[in-house]
PDB file of N, CA and C in Angstrom:
ATOM      1  N   MET A   1       0.830  -1.209   0.025  1.00  0.00           N
ATOM      2  CA  MET A   1      -0.036  -0.050  -0.032  1.00  0.00           C
ATOM      3  C   MET A   1       0.863   1.273  -0.039  1.00  0.00           C
ATOM      4  N   TRP A   2       1.990   1.227   0.677  1.00  0.00           N
ATOM      5  CA  TRP A   2       2.878   2.442   0.738  1.00  0.00           C
ATOM      6  C   TRP A   2       3.227   2.901  -0.606  1.00  0.00           C
ATOM      7  N   ASN A   3       3.508   2.003  -1.548  1.00  0.00           N
ATOM      8  CA  ASN A   3       3.814   2.328  -2.890  1.00  0.00           C
ATOM      9  C   ASN A   3       2.744   2.970  -3.634  1.00  0.00           C
ATOM     10  N   ASP A   4       1.431   2.725  -3.279  1.00  0.00           N
ATOM     11  CA  ASP A   4       0.337   3.348  -3.883  1.00  0.00           C
ATOM     12  C   ASP A   4       0.309   4.873  -3.561  1.00  0.00           C
ATOM     13  N   PHE A   5       1.038   5.255  -2.554  1.00  0.00           N
ATOM     14  CA  PHE A   5       1.134   6.664  -2.196  1.00  0.00           C
ATOM     15  C   PHE A   5       2.482   7.218  -2.460  1.00  0.00           C
ATOM     16  N   ASP A   6       3.211   6.567  -3.362  1.00  0.00           N
ATOM     17  CA  ASP A   6       4.472   7.110  -3.855  1.00  0.00           C
ATOM     18  C   ASP A   6       4.149   8.472  -4.505  1.00  0.00           C
ATOM     19  N   PRO A   7       4.891   9.502  -4.294  1.00  0.00           N
ATOM     20  CA  PRO A   7       4.600  10.830  -4.816  1.00  0.00           C
ATOM     21  C   PRO A   7       4.584  10.854  -6.358  1.00  0.00           C
ATOM     22  N   PHE A   8       5.172   9.897  -7.036  1.00  0.00           N
ATOM     23  CA  PHE A   8       5.186   9.919  -8.487  1.00  0.00           C
ATOM     24  C   PHE A   8       4.243   8.817  -9.075  1.00  0.00           C
ATOM     25  N   HIS A   9       3.469   8.194  -8.171  1.00  0.00           N
ATOM     26  CA  HIS A   9       2.481   7.208  -8.606  1.00  0.00           C
ATOM     27  C   HIS A   9       1.521   7.850  -9.586  1.00  0.00           C
ATOM     28  N   GLY A  10       1.225   7.111 -10.698  1.00  0.00           N
ATOM     29  CA  GLY A  10       0.336   7.671 -11.712  1.00  0.00           C
ATOM     30  C   GLY A  10       0.917   8.420 -12.816  1.00  0.00           C
ATOM     31  N   TYR A  11       2.277   8.716 -12.657  1.00  0.00           N
ATOM     32  CA  TYR A  11       2.955   9.416 -13.724  1.00  0.00           C
ATOM     33  C   TYR A  11       3.540   8.406 -14.747  1.00  0.00           C
ATOM     34  N   GLY A  12       3.734   8.769 -15.975  1.00  0.00           N
ATOM     35  CA  GLY A  12       4.374   7.864 -16.999  1.00  0.00           C
ATOM     36  C   GLY A  12       5.853   7.709 -16.666  1.00  0.00           C
ATOM     37  N   GLU A  13       6.467   6.755 -17.268  1.00  0.00           N
ATOM     38  CA  GLU A  13       7.899   6.411 -17.016  1.00  0.00           C
ATOM     39  C   GLU A  13       8.805   7.654 -17.283  1.00  0.00           C
ATOM     40  N   LEU A  14       8.613   8.358 -18.417  1.00  0.00           N
ATOM     41  CA  LEU A  14       9.420   9.488 -18.747  1.00  0.00           C
ATOM     42  C   LEU A  14       9.252  10.569 -17.644  1.00  0.00           C
ATOM     43  N   GLN A  15       8.051  10.833 -17.283  1.00  0.00           N
ATOM     44  CA  GLN A  15       7.721  11.808 -16.216  1.00  0.00           C
ATOM     45  C   GLN A  15       8.371  11.414 -14.872  1.00  0.00           C
ATOM     46  N   LYS A  16       8.333  10.118 -14.576  1.00  0.00           N
ATOM     47  CA  LYS A  16       8.890   9.651 -13.315  1.00  0.00           C
ATOM     48  C   LYS A  16      10.426   9.868 -13.363  1.00  0.00           C
ATOM     49  N   GLN A  17      11.058   9.613 -14.473  1.00  0.00           N
ATOM     50  CA  GLN A  17      12.479   9.810 -14.614  1.00  0.00           C
ATOM     51  C   GLN A  17      12.819  11.311 -14.362  1.00  0.00           C
ATOM     52  N   GLN A  18      12.021  12.183 -14.952  1.00  0.00           N
ATOM     53  CA  GLN A  18      12.288  13.621 -14.818  1.00  0.00           C
ATOM     54  C   GLN A  18      12.022  14.095 -13.342  1.00  0.00           C
ATOM     55  N   LEU A  19      10.995  13.540 -12.775  1.00  0.00           N
ATOM     56  CA  LEU A  19      10.631  13.864 -11.346  1.00  0.00           C
ATOM     57  C   LEU A  19      11.719  13.366 -10.411  1.00  0.00           C
ATOM     58  N   ASN A  20      12.258  12.148 -10.669  1.00  0.00           N
ATOM     59  CA  ASN A  20      13.310  11.599  -9.886  1.00  0.00           C
ATOM     60  C   ASN A  20      14.554  12.381  -9.998  1.00  0.00           C
ATOM     61  N   ALA A  21      14.892  12.911 -11.211  1.00  0.00           N
ATOM     62  CA  ALA A  21      16.027  13.716 -11.422  1.00  0.00           C
ATOM     63  C   ALA A  21      15.853  15.063 -10.599  1.00  0.00           C
ATOM     64  N   GLU A  22      14.651  15.618 -10.595  1.00  0.00           N
ATOM     65  CA  GLU A  22      14.469  16.830  -9.851  1.00  0.00           C
ATOM     66  C   GLU A  22      14.513  16.551  -8.324  1.00  0.00           C
ATOM     67  N   LEU A  23      14.056  15.349  -7.906  1.00  0.00           N
ATOM     68  CA  LEU A  23      14.142  15.008  -6.514  1.00  0.00           C
ATOM     69  C   LEU A  23      15.613  14.830  -6.092  1.00  0.00           C
ATOM     70  N   ASP A  24      16.418  14.361  -6.972  1.00  0.00           N
ATOM     71  CA  ASP A  24      17.881  14.234  -6.719  1.00  0.00           C
ATOM     72  C   ASP A  24      18.459  15.595  -6.557  1.00  0.00           C
ATOM     73  N   GLU A  25      18.012  16.571  -7.300  1.00  0.00           N
ATOM     74  CA  GLU A  25      18.485  17.961  -7.253  1.00  0.00           C
ATOM     75  C   GLU A  25      18.117  18.558  -5.884  1.00  0.00           C
ATOM     76  N   TRP A  26      16.904  18.267  -5.422  1.00  0.00           N
ATOM     77  CA  TRP A  26      16.479  18.742  -4.085  1.00  0.00           C
ATOM     78  C   TRP A  26      17.415  18.136  -2.998  1.00  0.00           C
ATOM     79  N   PHE A  27      17.700  16.874  -3.096  1.00  0.00           N
ATOM     80  CA  PHE A  27      18.552  16.230  -2.197  1.00  0.00           C
ATOM     81  C   PHE A  27      19.955  16.881  -2.197  1.00  0.00           C
ATOM     82  N   GLU A  28      20.490  17.254  -3.363  1.00  0.00           N
ATOM     83  CA  GLU A  28      21.770  17.972  -3.437  1.00  0.00           C
ATOM     84  C   GLU A  28      21.718  19.323  -2.762  1.00  0.00           C
ATOM     85  N   ARG A  29      20.552  20.027  -2.951  1.00  0.00           N
ATOM     86  CA  ARG A  29      20.387  21.312  -2.281  1.00  0.00           C
ATOM     87  C   ARG A  29      20.393  21.124  -0.730  1.00  0.00           C
ATOM     88  N   GLN A  30      19.689  20.098  -0.291  1.00  0.00           N
ATOM     89  CA  GLN A  30      19.697  19.830   1.100  1.00  0.00           C
ATOM     90  C   GLN A  30      21.132  19.595   1.650  1.00  0.00           C
ATOM     91  N   LEU A  31      21.874  18.724   0.961  1.00  0.00           N
ATOM     92  CA  LEU A  31      23.208  18.426   1.305  1.00  0.00           C
ATOM     93  C   LEU A  31      24.157  19.596   1.298  1.00  0.00           C
ATOM     94  N   SER A  32      23.888  20.528   0.374  1.00  0.00           N
ATOM     95  CA  SER A  32      24.700  21.751   0.299  1.00  0.00           C
ATOM     96  C   SER A  32      24.666  22.604   1.563  1.00  0.00           C
ATOM     97  N   THR A  33      23.688  22.304   2.449  1.00  0.00           N
ATOM     98  CA  THR A  33      23.558  23.057   3.680  1.00  0.00           C
ATOM     99  C   THR A  33      24.216  22.344   4.887  1.00  0.00           C
ATOM    100  N   TRP A  34      24.868  21.231   4.663  1.00  0.00           N
ATOM    101  CA  TRP A  34      25.278  20.334   5.722  1.00  0.00           C
ATOM    102  C   TRP A  34      26.114  21.083   6.768  1.00  0.00           C
ATOM    103  N   ALA A  35      26.889  22.077   6.387  1.00  0.00           N
ATOM    104  CA  ALA A  35      27.769  22.711   7.306  1.00  0.00           C
ATOM    105  C   ALA A  35      27.219  24.090   7.785  1.00  0.00           C
ATOM    106  N   SER A  36      25.930  24.332   7.667  1.00  0.00           N
ATOM    107  CA  SER A  36      25.314  25.578   8.024  1.00  0.00           C
ATOM    108  C   SER A  36      25.176  25.737   9.532  1.00  0.00           C
ATOM    109  N   GLY A  37      25.380  24.721  10.311  1.00  0.00           N
ATOM    110  CA  GLY A  37      25.310  24.819  11.748  1.00  0.00           C
ATOM    111  C   GLY A  37      26.397  23.926  12.385  1.00  0.00           C
ATOM    112  N   PRO A  38      26.520  23.912  13.684  1.00  0.00           N
ATOM    113  CA  PRO A  38      27.552  23.138  14.309  1.00  0.00           C
ATOM    114  C   PRO A  38      27.358  21.600  14.206  1.00  0.00           C
ATOM    115  N   ILE A  39      26.126  21.185  13.930  1.00  0.00           N
ATOM    116  CA  ILE A  39      25.850  19.793  13.737  1.00  0.00           C
ATOM    117  C   ILE A  39      25.301  19.588  12.329  1.00  0.00           C
ATOM    118  N   PRO A  40      25.946  18.735  11.522  1.00  0.00           N
ATOM    119  CA  PRO A  40      25.475  18.555  10.101  1.00  0.00           C
ATOM    120  C   PRO A  40      24.042  18.230  10.031  1.00  0.00           C
ATOM    121  N   LEU A  41      23.356  18.845   9.062  1.00  0.00           N
ATOM    122  CA  LEU A  41      21.897  18.642   8.758  1.00  0.00           C
ATOM    123  C   LEU A  41      21.009  19.023   9.882  1.00  0.00           C
ATOM    124  N   ASN A  42      21.437  19.945  10.747  1.00  0.00           N
ATOM    125  CA  ASN A  42      20.650  20.355  11.916  1.00  0.00           C
ATOM    126  C   ASN A  42      20.754  21.888  11.944  1.00  0.00           C
ATOM    127  N   SER A  43      20.043  22.510  11.010  1.00  0.00           N
ATOM    128  CA  SER A  43      20.123  23.894  10.924  1.00  0.00           C
ATOM    129  C   SER A  43      18.868  24.576  10.237  1.00  0.00           C
ATOM    130  N   ALA A  44      18.659  25.754  10.413  1.00  0.00           N
ATOM    131  CA  ALA A  44      17.552  26.497   9.802  1.00  0.00           C
ATOM    132  C   ALA A  44      17.750  26.426   8.294  1.00  0.00           C
ATOM    133  N   ALA A  45      18.954  26.448   7.770  1.00  0.00           N
ATOM    134  CA  ALA A  45      19.188  26.406   6.320  1.00  0.00           C
ATOM    135  C   ALA A  45      18.722  25.103   5.741  1.00  0.00           C
ATOM    136  N   TYR A  46      19.090  23.987   6.446  1.00  0.00           N
ATOM    137  CA  TYR A  46      18.611  22.657   5.987  1.00  0.00           C
ATOM    138  C   TYR A  46      17.135  22.604   6.013  1.00  0.00           C
ATOM    139  N   ASP A  47      16.535  23.131   7.114  1.00  0.00           N
ATOM    140  CA  ASP A  47      15.055  22.992   7.245  1.00  0.00           C
ATOM    141  C   ASP A  47      14.362  23.786   6.206  1.00  0.00           C
ATOM    142  N   ARG A  48      14.908  24.926   5.806  1.00  0.00           N
ATOM    143  CA  ARG A  48      14.287  25.774   4.802  1.00  0.00           C
ATOM    144  C   ARG A  48      14.230  25.043   3.453  1.00  0.00           C
ATOM    145  N   VAL A  49      15.350  24.475   3.038  1.00  0.00           N
ATOM    146  CA  VAL A  49      15.393  23.724   1.806  1.00  0.00           C
ATOM    147  C   VAL A  49      14.486  22.519   1.868  1.00  0.00           C
ATOM    148  N   THR A  50      14.499  21.840   2.973  1.00  0.00           N
ATOM    149  CA  THR A  50      13.701  20.582   3.151  1.00  0.00           C
ATOM    150  C   THR A  50      12.221  20.993   3.086  1.00  0.00           C
ATOM    151  N   LYS A  51      11.779  22.058   3.691  1.00  0.00           N
ATOM    152  CA  LYS A  51      10.329  22.462   3.643  1.00  0.00           C
ATOM    153  C   LYS A  51       9.970  22.796   2.200  1.00  0.00           C
ATOM    154  N   GLU A  52      10.861  23.483   1.492  1.00  0.00           N
ATOM    155  CA  GLU A  52      10.663  23.815   0.073  1.00  0.00           C
ATOM    156  C   GLU A  52      10.526  22.505  -0.784  1.00  0.00           C
ATOM    157  N   LYS A  53      11.361  21.571  -0.467  1.00  0.00           N
ATOM    158  CA  LYS A  53      11.239  20.226  -1.151  1.00  0.00           C
ATOM    159  C   LYS A  53       9.940  19.584  -0.983  1.00  0.00           C
ATOM    160  N   TYR A  54       9.404  19.607   0.259  1.00  0.00           N
ATOM    161  CA  TYR A  54       8.124  18.980   0.536  1.00  0.00           C
ATOM    162  C   TYR A  54       6.967  19.759   0.049  1.00  0.00           C
ATOM    163  N   GLU A  55       7.124  21.075  -0.092  1.00  0.00           N
ATOM    164  CA  GLU A  55       6.042  21.867  -0.755  1.00  0.00           C
ATOM    165  C   GLU A  55       5.988  21.502  -2.240  1.00  0.00           C
ATOM    166  N   TRP A  56       7.103  21.269  -2.831  1.00  0.00           N
ATOM    167  CA  TRP A  56       7.185  20.790  -4.268  1.00  0.00           C
ATOM    168  C   TRP A  56       6.535  19.483  -4.343  1.00  0.00           C
ATOM    169  N   LEU A  57       6.874  18.542  -3.483  1.00  0.00           N
ATOM    170  CA  LEU A  57       6.267  17.196  -3.546  1.00  0.00           C
ATOM    171  C   LEU A  57       4.742  17.255  -3.311  1.00  0.00           C
ATOM    172  N   GLU A  58       4.285  18.189  -2.487  1.00  0.00           N
ATOM    173  CA  GLU A  58       2.847  18.335  -2.311  1.00  0.00           C
ATOM    174  C   GLU A  58       2.175  18.808  -3.591  1.00  0.00           C
ATOM    175  N   ARG A  59       2.836  19.640  -4.380  1.00  0.00           N
ATOM    176  CA  ARG A  59       2.238  20.063  -5.664  1.00  0.00           C
ATOM    177  C   ARG A  59       2.210  18.964  -6.596  1.00  0.00           C
ATOM    178  N   ILE A  60       3.228  18.065  -6.535  1.00  0.00           N
ATOM    179  CA  ILE A  60       3.301  16.928  -7.455  1.00  0.00           C
ATOM    180  C   ILE A  60       2.156  15.955  -7.183  1.00  0.00           C
ATOM    181  N   ASN A  61       1.929  15.664  -5.868  1.00  0.00           N
ATOM    182  CA  ASN A  61       0.902  14.654  -5.494  1.00  0.00           C
ATOM    183  C   ASN A  61       0.366  15.003  -4.119  1.00  0.00           C
ATOM    184  N   PRO A  62      -0.657  15.806  -4.013  1.00  0.00           N
ATOM    185  CA  PRO A  62      -1.199  16.257  -2.689  1.00  0.00           C
ATOM    186  C   PRO A  62      -1.648  15.102  -1.810  1.00  0.00           C
ATOM    187  N   GLN A  63      -2.179  14.065  -2.355  1.00  0.00           N
ATOM    188  CA  GLN A  63      -2.696  12.905  -1.547  1.00  0.00           C
ATOM    189  C   GLN A  63      -1.510  12.120  -0.963  1.00  0.00           C
ATOM    190  N   ALA A  64      -0.511  11.866  -1.773  1.00  0.00           N
ATOM    191  CA  ALA A  64       0.673  11.197  -1.231  1.00  0.00           C
ATOM    192  C   ALA A  64       1.338  11.998  -0.154  1.00  0.00           C
ATOM    193  N   HIS A  65       1.437  13.327  -0.355  1.00  0.00           N
ATOM    194  CA  HIS A  65       2.024  14.235   0.614  1.00  0.00           C
ATOM    195  C   HIS A  65       1.272  14.174   1.936  1.00  0.00           C
ATOM    196  N   LEU A  66      -0.027  14.161   1.850  1.00  0.00           N
ATOM    197  CA  LEU A  66      -0.877  14.124   3.049  1.00  0.00           C
ATOM    198  C   LEU A  66      -0.625  12.896   3.837  1.00  0.00           C
ATOM    199  N   LEU A  67      -0.591  11.721   3.185  1.00  0.00           N
ATOM    200  CA  LEU A  67      -0.343  10.450   3.929  1.00  0.00           C
ATOM    201  C   LEU A  67       1.071  10.322   4.419  1.00  0.00           C
ATOM    202  N   ARG A  68       2.012  10.481   3.476  1.00  0.00           N
ATOM    203  CA  ARG A  68       3.403  10.179   3.802  1.00  0.00           C
ATOM    204  C   ARG A  68       4.019  11.191   4.759  1.00  0.00           C
ATOM    205  N   TRP A  69       3.545  12.454   4.677  1.00  0.00           N
ATOM    206  CA  TRP A  69       4.256  13.463   5.492  1.00  0.00           C
ATOM    207  C   TRP A  69       3.355  14.156   6.531  1.00  0.00           C
ATOM    208  N   VAL A  70       2.237  14.652   6.074  1.00  0.00           N
ATOM    209  CA  VAL A  70       1.426  15.435   7.030  1.00  0.00           C
ATOM    210  C   VAL A  70       0.875  14.530   8.179  1.00  0.00           C
ATOM    211  N   CYS A  71       0.277  13.391   7.853  1.00  0.00           N
ATOM    212  CA  CYS A  71      -0.250  12.515   8.832  1.00  0.00           C
ATOM    213  C   CYS A  71       0.862  11.924   9.716  1.00  0.00           C
ATOM    214  N   ARG A  72       1.939  11.525   9.046  1.00  0.00           N
ATOM    215  CA  ARG A  72       3.108  10.961   9.739  1.00  0.00           C
ATOM    216  C   ARG A  72       3.616  12.008  10.738  1.00  0.00           C
ATOM    217  N   HIS A  73       3.724  13.250  10.356  1.00  0.00           N
ATOM    218  CA  HIS A  73       4.275  14.280  11.285  1.00  0.00           C
ATOM    219  C   HIS A  73       3.294  14.553  12.443  1.00  0.00           C
ATOM    220  N   LEU A  74       1.982  14.514  12.240  1.00  0.00           N
ATOM    221  CA  LEU A  74       0.992  14.681  13.253  1.00  0.00           C
ATOM    222  C   LEU A  74       1.199  13.533  14.248  1.00  0.00           C
ATOM    223  N   ILE A  75       1.299  12.320  13.817  1.00  0.00           N
ATOM    224  CA  ILE A  75       1.503  11.235  14.673  1.00  0.00           C
ATOM    225  C   ILE A  75       2.818  11.345  15.483  1.00  0.00           C
ATOM    226  N   MET A  76       3.913  11.713  14.855  1.00  0.00           N
ATOM    227  CA  MET A  76       5.196  11.855  15.485  1.00  0.00           C
ATOM    228  C   MET A  76       5.110  12.911  16.564  1.00  0.00           C
ATOM    229  N   ASN A  77       4.457  14.092  16.202  1.00  0.00           N
ATOM    230  CA  ASN A  77       4.320  15.197  17.186  1.00  0.00           C
ATOM    231  C   ASN A  77       3.468  14.706  18.378  1.00  0.00           C
ATOM    232  N   GLN A  78       2.408  14.015  18.106  1.00  0.00           N
ATOM    233  CA  GLN A  78       1.564  13.551  19.260  1.00  0.00           C
ATOM    234  C   GLN A  78       2.304  12.608  20.124  1.00  0.00           C
ATOM    235  N   ARG A  79       3.028  11.704  19.541  1.00  0.00           N
ATOM    236  CA  ARG A  79       3.816  10.742  20.400  1.00  0.00           C
ATOM    237  C   ARG A  79       4.833  11.504  21.284  1.00  0.00           C
ATOM    238  N   ILE A  80       5.420  12.534  20.789  1.00  0.00           N
ATOM    239  CA  ILE A  80       6.334  13.312  21.589  1.00  0.00           C
ATOM    240  C   ILE A  80       5.567  14.110  22.692  1.00  0.00           C
ATOM    241  N   LYS A  81       4.504  14.678  22.336  1.00  0.00           N
ATOM    242  CA  LYS A  81       3.625  15.293  23.336  1.00  0.00           C
ATOM    243  C   LYS A  81       3.160  14.413  24.408  1.00  0.00           C
ATOM    244  N   ASN A  82       2.806  13.150  24.036  1.00  0.00           N
ATOM    245  CA  ASN A  82       2.435  12.162  25.058  1.00  0.00           C
ATOM    246  C   ASN A  82       3.650  11.799  25.946  1.00  0.00           C
ATOM    247  N   ALA A  83       4.797  11.760  25.425  1.00  0.00           N
ATOM    248  CA  ALA A  83       5.988  11.452  26.255  1.00  0.00           C
ATOM    249  C   ALA A  83       6.258  12.618  27.161  1.00  0.00           C
ATOM    250  N   ILE A  84       6.061  13.823  26.665  1.00  0.00           N
ATOM    251  CA  ILE A  84       6.305  15.023  27.515  1.00  0.00           C
ATOM    252  C   ILE A  84       5.347  14.908  28.710  1.00  0.00           C
ATOM    253  N   GLY A  85       4.078  14.539  28.425  1.00  0.00           N
ATOM    254  CA  GLY A  85       3.065  14.465  29.498  1.00  0.00           C
ATOM    255  C   GLY A  85       3.366  13.382  30.488  1.00  0.00           C
ATOM    256  N   GLN A  86       3.915  12.288  30.030  1.00  0.00           N
ATOM    257  CA  GLN A  86       4.221  11.146  30.917  1.00  0.00           C
ATOM    258  C   GLN A  86       5.486  11.433  31.747  1.00  0.00           C
ATOM    259  N   HIS A  87       6.313  12.322  31.244  1.00  0.00           N
ATOM    260  CA  HIS A  87       7.629  12.570  31.933  1.00  0.00           C
ATOM    261  C   HIS A  87       7.778  14.145  32.236  1.00  0.00           C
ATOM    262  N   ALA A  88       6.721  14.617  32.798  1.00  0.00           N
ATOM    263  CA  ALA A  88       6.676  16.137  33.064  1.00  0.00           C
ATOM    264  C   ALA A  88       7.898  16.486  33.860  1.00  0.00           C
ATOM    265  N   GLY A  89       8.539  17.630  33.538  1.00  0.00           N
ATOM    266  CA  GLY A  89       9.732  18.076  34.236  1.00  0.00           C
ATOM    267  C   GLY A  89      11.013  17.387  33.886  1.00  0.00           C
ATOM    268  N   LYS A  90      10.986  16.318  33.069  1.00  0.00           N
ATOM    269  CA  LYS A  90      12.205  15.678  32.734  1.00  0.00           C
ATOM    270  C   LYS A  90      12.727  16.166  31.436  1.00  0.00           C
ATOM    271  N   ARG A  91      14.040  15.832  31.164  1.00  0.00           N
ATOM    272  CA  ARG A  91      14.671  16.192  29.931  1.00  0.00           C
ATOM    273  C   ARG A  91      14.386  15.006  28.923  1.00  0.00           C
ATOM    274  N   LEU A  92      13.994  15.371  27.735  1.00  0.00           N
ATOM    275  CA  LEU A  92      13.785  14.399  26.681  1.00  0.00           C
ATOM    276  C   LEU A  92      14.600  14.682  25.478  1.00  0.00           C
ATOM    277  N   LEU A  93      15.162  13.694  24.890  1.00  0.00           N
ATOM    278  CA  LEU A  93      15.960  13.895  23.621  1.00  0.00           C
ATOM    279  C   LEU A  93      15.173  13.104  22.575  1.00  0.00           C
ATOM    280  N   CYS A  94      14.806  13.814  21.516  1.00  0.00           N
ATOM    281  CA  CYS A  94      14.054  13.192  20.376  1.00  0.00           C
ATOM    282  C   CYS A  94      15.045  13.129  19.178  1.00  0.00           C
ATOM    283  N   ILE A  95      15.242  11.923  18.673  1.00  0.00           N
ATOM    284  CA  ILE A  95      16.151  11.809  17.512  1.00  0.00           C
ATOM    285  C   ILE A  95      15.290  11.325  16.300  1.00  0.00           C
ATOM    286  N   VAL A  96      15.304  12.103  15.283  1.00  0.00           N
ATOM    287  CA  VAL A  96      14.546  11.725  14.107  1.00  0.00           C
ATOM    288  C   VAL A  96      15.407  11.998  12.868  1.00  0.00           C
ATOM    289  N   GLY A  97      14.931  11.502  11.721  1.00  0.00           N
ATOM    290  CA  GLY A  97      15.659  11.828  10.500  1.00  0.00           C
ATOM    291  C   GLY A  97      15.529  13.286  10.187  1.00  0.00           C
ATOM    292  N   ALA A  98      16.609  13.808   9.598  1.00  0.00           N
ATOM    293  CA  ALA A  98      16.676  15.302   9.380  1.00  0.00           C
ATOM    294  C   ALA A  98      15.483  15.877   8.656  1.00  0.00           C
ATOM    295  N   ASP A  99      14.914  15.069   7.733  1.00  0.00           N
ATOM    296  CA  ASP A  99      13.778  15.686   6.981  1.00  0.00           C
ATOM    297  C   ASP A  99      12.514  15.934   7.853  1.00  0.00           C
ATOM    298  N   HIS A 100      12.511  15.375   9.053  1.00  0.00           N
ATOM    299  CA  HIS A 100      11.385  15.602   9.929  1.00  0.00           C
ATOM    300  C   HIS A 100      11.589  16.804  10.853  1.00  0.00           C
ATOM    301  N   ASN A 101      12.799  17.293  10.983  1.00  0.00           N
ATOM    302  CA  ASN A 101      13.059  18.319  11.985  1.00  0.00           C
ATOM    303  C   ASN A 101      12.121  19.531  11.889  1.00  0.00           C
ATOM    304  N   HIS A 102      11.974  20.107  10.723  1.00  0.00           N
ATOM    305  CA  HIS A 102      11.177  21.260  10.603  1.00  0.00           C
ATOM    306  C   HIS A 102       9.699  21.108  11.026  1.00  0.00           C
ATOM    307  N   ALA A 103       9.159  19.952  10.692  1.00  0.00           N
ATOM    308  CA  ALA A 103       7.745  19.733  11.110  1.00  0.00           C
ATOM    309  C   ALA A 103       7.551  19.448  12.579  1.00  0.00           C
ATOM    310  N   LEU A 104       8.541  18.838  13.118  1.00  0.00           N
ATOM    311  CA  LEU A 104       8.521  18.556  14.575  1.00  0.00           C
ATOM    312  C   LEU A 104       8.663  19.832  15.371  1.00  0.00           C
ATOM    313  N   TYR A 105       9.626  20.654  14.889  1.00  0.00           N
ATOM    314  CA  TYR A 105       9.856  21.983  15.548  1.00  0.00           C
ATOM    315  C   TYR A 105       8.521  22.796  15.486  1.00  0.00           C
ATOM    316  N   GLU A 106       7.950  22.869  14.326  1.00  0.00           N
ATOM    317  CA  GLU A 106       6.791  23.659  14.124  1.00  0.00           C
ATOM    318  C   GLU A 106       5.590  23.087  14.975  1.00  0.00           C
ATOM    319  N   GLY A 107       5.578  21.790  15.170  1.00  0.00           N
ATOM    320  CA  GLY A 107       4.487  21.185  15.930  1.00  0.00           C
ATOM    321  C   GLY A 107       4.709  21.331  17.432  1.00  0.00           C
ATOM    322  N   LEU A 108       5.953  21.404  17.888  1.00  0.00           N
ATOM    323  CA  LEU A 108       6.292  21.455  19.300  1.00  0.00           C
ATOM    324  C   LEU A 108       6.476  22.828  19.852  1.00  0.00           C
ATOM    325  N   ALA A 109       6.909  23.789  18.987  1.00  0.00           N
ATOM    326  CA  ALA A 109       7.173  25.110  19.475  1.00  0.00           C
ATOM    327  C   ALA A 109       6.043  25.760  20.201  1.00  0.00           C
ATOM    328  N   PRO A 110       4.813  25.553  19.809  1.00  0.00           N
ATOM    329  CA  PRO A 110       3.653  26.208  20.545  1.00  0.00           C
ATOM    330  C   PRO A 110       3.355  25.485  21.922  1.00  0.00           C
ATOM    331  N   VAL A 111       3.955  24.312  22.162  1.00  0.00           N
ATOM    332  CA  VAL A 111       3.619  23.629  23.392  1.00  0.00           C
ATOM    333  C   VAL A 111       4.130  24.413  24.582  1.00  0.00           C
ATOM    334  N   LYS A 112       3.224  24.714  25.518  1.00  0.00           N
ATOM    335  CA  LYS A 112       3.616  25.496  26.703  1.00  0.00           C
ATOM    336  C   LYS A 112       4.284  24.629  27.730  1.00  0.00           C
ATOM    337  N   ASP A 113       5.086  25.265  28.559  1.00  0.00           N
ATOM    338  CA  ASP A 113       5.774  24.663  29.665  1.00  0.00           C
ATOM    339  C   ASP A 113       6.856  23.603  29.209  1.00  0.00           C
ATOM    340  N   ILE A 114       7.434  23.845  28.050  1.00  0.00           N
ATOM    341  CA  ILE A 114       8.616  23.041  27.660  1.00  0.00           C
ATOM    342  C   ILE A 114       9.608  24.054  27.149  1.00  0.00           C
ATOM    343  N   GLN A 115      10.880  23.645  27.236  1.00  0.00           N
ATOM    344  CA  GLN A 115      11.955  24.381  26.638  1.00  0.00           C
ATOM    345  C   GLN A 115      12.428  23.526  25.442  1.00  0.00           C
ATOM    346  N   LEU A 116      12.151  24.028  24.304  1.00  0.00           N
ATOM    347  CA  LEU A 116      12.514  23.325  23.044  1.00  0.00           C
ATOM    348  C   LEU A 116      13.897  23.837  22.543  1.00  0.00           C
ATOM    349  N   VAL A 117      14.868  22.971  22.512  1.00  0.00           N
ATOM    350  CA  VAL A 117      16.207  23.382  22.062  1.00  0.00           C
ATOM    351  C   VAL A 117      16.393  22.768  20.664  1.00  0.00           C
ATOM    352  N   TYR A 118      16.280  23.683  19.685  1.00  0.00           N
ATOM    353  CA  TYR A 118      16.498  23.277  18.294  1.00  0.00           C
ATOM    354  C   TYR A 118      16.749  24.532  17.508  1.00  0.00           C
ATOM    355  N   PRO A 119      17.711  24.450  16.588  1.00  0.00           N
ATOM    356  CA  PRO A 119      18.633  23.362  16.366  1.00  0.00           C
ATOM    357  C   PRO A 119      19.542  23.131  17.506  1.00  0.00           C
ATOM    358  N   LEU A 120      20.033  21.923  17.591  1.00  0.00           N
ATOM    359  CA  LEU A 120      21.036  21.579  18.626  1.00  0.00           C
ATOM    360  C   LEU A 120      22.292  22.446  18.489  1.00  0.00           C
ATOM    361  N   ARG A 121      22.946  22.699  19.615  1.00  0.00           N
ATOM    362  CA  ARG A 121      24.137  23.477  19.549  1.00  0.00           C
ATOM    363  C   ARG A 121      25.333  22.632  20.049  1.00  0.00           C
TER     364      ARG A 121
END
């Protein structure tokens, strides 16, 4: 089922090749920011390019984007919020893939009574 929500599902082979080439270019743009902060791939610059990449993917296939990224990030954010609630006053370290950082930050920044440290220093 996961493949049914591939962002390039429903496109012809030539279009898929072109879209995959563009996706590779987005990845290169992300990697070009690796040294923008003290920890590789953990910076506002990386997050900006990543967010732009996923806005592009959303335009390519809104339904795939909704399932693969929006719903996934909502679930990840809620799990972290649940952990915060279960461990009130404790320090928590959340480690995720770099492409999730911007969405988790945006989802957790409004949470009251927590100190969110991101990007890491």
